[in-house]
């Protein structure tokens, strides 16, 4: 899963760089998207642990 996320993130950065000539936006989106994804996953695990 981590390898898939890394490859997807690198692909987003490259696409952003090639089409919009702005690799920093792709990098920021990858970082914020990763933080959002992991926080949601952590929250779901917490709910499962407390109530499941």
N, C-alpha and C. Protein backbone atom coordinates (compact mmCIF):
# COMPACT_ATOMS: atom_id res chain seq x y z
N UNK A 1 0.83 -1.20 0.00
CA UNK A 1 0.00 0.00 0.00
C UNK A 1 0.87 1.26 0.00
N UNK A 2 1.93 1.24 0.78
CA UNK A 2 2.81 2.41 0.85
C UNK A 2 3.51 2.64 -0.48
N UNK A 3 3.92 1.56 -1.15
CA UNK A 3 4.58 1.69 -2.45
C UNK A 3 3.62 2.26 -3.48
N UNK A 4 2.38 1.80 -3.45
CA UNK A 4 1.36 2.30 -4.37
C UNK A 4 1.11 3.79 -4.14
N UNK A 5 1.02 4.20 -2.89
CA UNK A 5 0.81 5.62 -2.57
C UNK A 5 2.00 6.46 -3.01
N UNK A 6 3.20 5.96 -2.83
CA UNK A 6 4.39 6.69 -3.24
C UNK A 6 4.44 6.86 -4.75
N UNK A 7 4.16 5.79 -5.48
CA UNK A 7 4.16 5.87 -6.95
C UNK A 7 3.08 6.82 -7.43
N UNK A 8 1.90 6.76 -6.84
CA UNK A 8 0.82 7.66 -7.21
C UNK A 8 1.19 9.11 -6.91
N UNK A 9 1.81 9.35 -5.78
CA UNK A 9 2.22 10.71 -5.43
C UNK A 9 3.27 11.26 -6.37
N UNK A 10 4.24 10.43 -6.73
CA UNK A 10 5.28 10.87 -7.68
C UNK A 10 4.65 11.15 -9.05
N UNK A 11 3.69 10.34 -9.44
CA UNK A 11 3.00 10.56 -10.70
C UNK A 11 2.24 11.89 -10.69
N UNK A 12 1.58 12.21 -9.58
CA UNK A 12 0.86 13.48 -9.47
C UNK A 12 1.83 14.65 -9.57
N UNK A 13 2.98 14.54 -8.92
CA UNK A 13 3.99 15.61 -8.99
C UNK A 13 4.49 15.79 -10.42
N UNK A 14 4.77 14.69 -11.11
CA UNK A 14 5.27 14.78 -12.49
C UNK A 14 4.22 15.37 -13.41
N UNK A 15 2.97 14.93 -13.28
CA UNK A 15 1.89 15.46 -14.13
C UNK A 15 1.70 16.96 -13.87
N UNK A 16 1.71 17.33 -12.60
CA UNK A 16 1.56 18.74 -12.25
C UNK A 16 2.71 19.56 -12.83
N UNK A 17 3.91 19.01 -12.79
CA UNK A 17 5.09 19.70 -13.29
C UNK A 17 5.05 19.86 -14.81
N UNK A 18 4.66 18.80 -15.50
CA UNK A 18 4.67 18.84 -16.97
C UNK A 18 3.56 19.72 -17.54
N UNK A 19 2.34 19.62 -16.99
CA UNK A 19 1.21 20.34 -17.57
C UNK A 19 1.09 21.77 -17.06
N UNK A 20 1.36 21.98 -15.78
CA UNK A 20 1.17 23.31 -15.21
C UNK A 20 2.47 24.02 -14.87
N UNK A 21 3.60 23.36 -15.09
CA UNK A 21 4.93 23.88 -14.80
C UNK A 21 5.02 24.35 -13.34
N UNK A 22 4.42 23.58 -12.46
CA UNK A 22 4.37 23.95 -11.04
C UNK A 22 4.47 22.67 -10.21
N UNK A 23 5.69 22.21 -9.97
CA UNK A 23 5.86 20.96 -9.23
C UNK A 23 5.58 21.13 -7.74
N UNK A 24 5.68 22.36 -7.22
CA UNK A 24 5.45 22.58 -5.79
C UNK A 24 4.00 22.31 -5.41
N UNK A 25 3.06 22.65 -6.29
CA UNK A 25 1.65 22.36 -6.01
C UNK A 25 1.39 20.87 -5.94
N UNK A 26 2.00 20.13 -6.85
CA UNK A 26 1.86 18.67 -6.81
C UNK A 26 2.44 18.08 -5.56
N UNK A 27 3.59 18.59 -5.14
CA UNK A 27 4.24 18.10 -3.92
C UNK A 27 3.39 18.43 -2.69
N UNK A 28 2.87 19.65 -2.62
CA UNK A 28 2.03 20.04 -1.49
C UNK A 28 0.75 19.21 -1.45
N UNK A 29 0.16 18.97 -2.62
CA UNK A 29 -1.05 18.14 -2.69
C UNK A 29 -0.77 16.72 -2.23
N UNK A 30 0.38 16.20 -2.61
CA UNK A 30 0.76 14.85 -2.20
C UNK A 30 0.93 14.77 -0.68
N UNK A 31 1.59 15.76 -0.09
CA UNK A 31 1.81 15.76 1.35
C UNK A 31 0.49 15.93 2.10
N UNK A 32 -0.32 16.92 1.71
CA UNK A 32 -1.59 17.14 2.40
C UNK A 32 -2.55 15.99 2.20
N UNK A 33 -2.56 15.42 0.99
CA UNK A 33 -3.41 14.26 0.73
C UNK A 33 -3.01 13.07 1.58
N UNK A 34 -1.70 12.87 1.74
CA UNK A 34 -1.21 11.77 2.58
C UNK A 34 -1.58 11.97 4.03
N UNK A 35 -1.46 13.19 4.52
CA UNK A 35 -1.83 13.49 5.91
C UNK A 35 -3.32 13.26 6.11
N UNK A 36 -4.14 13.72 5.16
CA UNK A 36 -5.58 13.53 5.26
C UNK A 36 -5.94 12.05 5.23
N UNK A 37 -5.33 11.29 4.30
CA UNK A 37 -5.60 9.86 4.18
C UNK A 37 -5.26 9.12 5.47
N UNK A 38 -4.07 9.37 6.03
CA UNK A 38 -3.64 8.67 7.23
C UNK A 38 -4.44 9.09 8.45
N UNK A 39 -4.87 10.35 8.53
CA UNK A 39 -5.67 10.78 9.68
C UNK A 39 -7.05 10.13 9.64
N UNK A 40 -7.65 10.00 8.46
CA UNK A 40 -8.94 9.32 8.34
C UNK A 40 -8.79 7.85 8.70
N UNK A 41 -7.72 7.22 8.22
CA UNK A 41 -7.48 5.81 8.53
C UNK A 41 -7.28 5.60 10.03
N UNK A 42 -6.54 6.50 10.66
CA UNK A 42 -6.32 6.42 12.10
C UNK A 42 -7.62 6.61 12.87
N UNK A 43 -8.45 7.55 12.43
CA UNK A 43 -9.73 7.80 13.08
C UNK A 43 -10.64 6.57 12.98
N UNK A 44 -10.68 5.93 11.81
CA UNK A 44 -11.51 4.73 11.63
C UNK A 44 -11.00 3.60 12.53
N UNK A 45 -9.69 3.43 12.62
CA UNK A 45 -9.12 2.41 13.49
C UNK A 45 -9.46 2.68 14.96
N UNK A 46 -9.42 3.94 15.35
CA UNK A 46 -9.76 4.32 16.71
C UNK A 46 -11.21 3.99 17.03
N UNK A 47 -12.12 4.30 16.12
CA UNK A 47 -13.54 4.01 16.31
C UNK A 47 -13.75 2.50 16.40
N UNK A 48 -13.10 1.75 15.52
CA UNK A 48 -13.23 0.28 15.55
C UNK A 48 -12.73 -0.28 16.88
N UNK A 49 -11.64 0.26 17.39
CA UNK A 49 -11.07 -0.23 18.64
C UNK A 49 -11.97 0.09 19.82
N UNK A 50 -12.53 1.29 19.83
CA UNK A 50 -13.36 1.71 20.97
C UNK A 50 -14.72 1.04 20.97
N UNK A 51 -15.35 0.90 19.80
CA UNK A 51 -16.72 0.42 19.76
C UNK A 51 -16.87 -0.96 19.14
N UNK A 52 -15.80 -1.52 18.62
CA UNK A 52 -15.93 -2.80 17.91
C UNK A 52 -15.50 -3.92 18.77
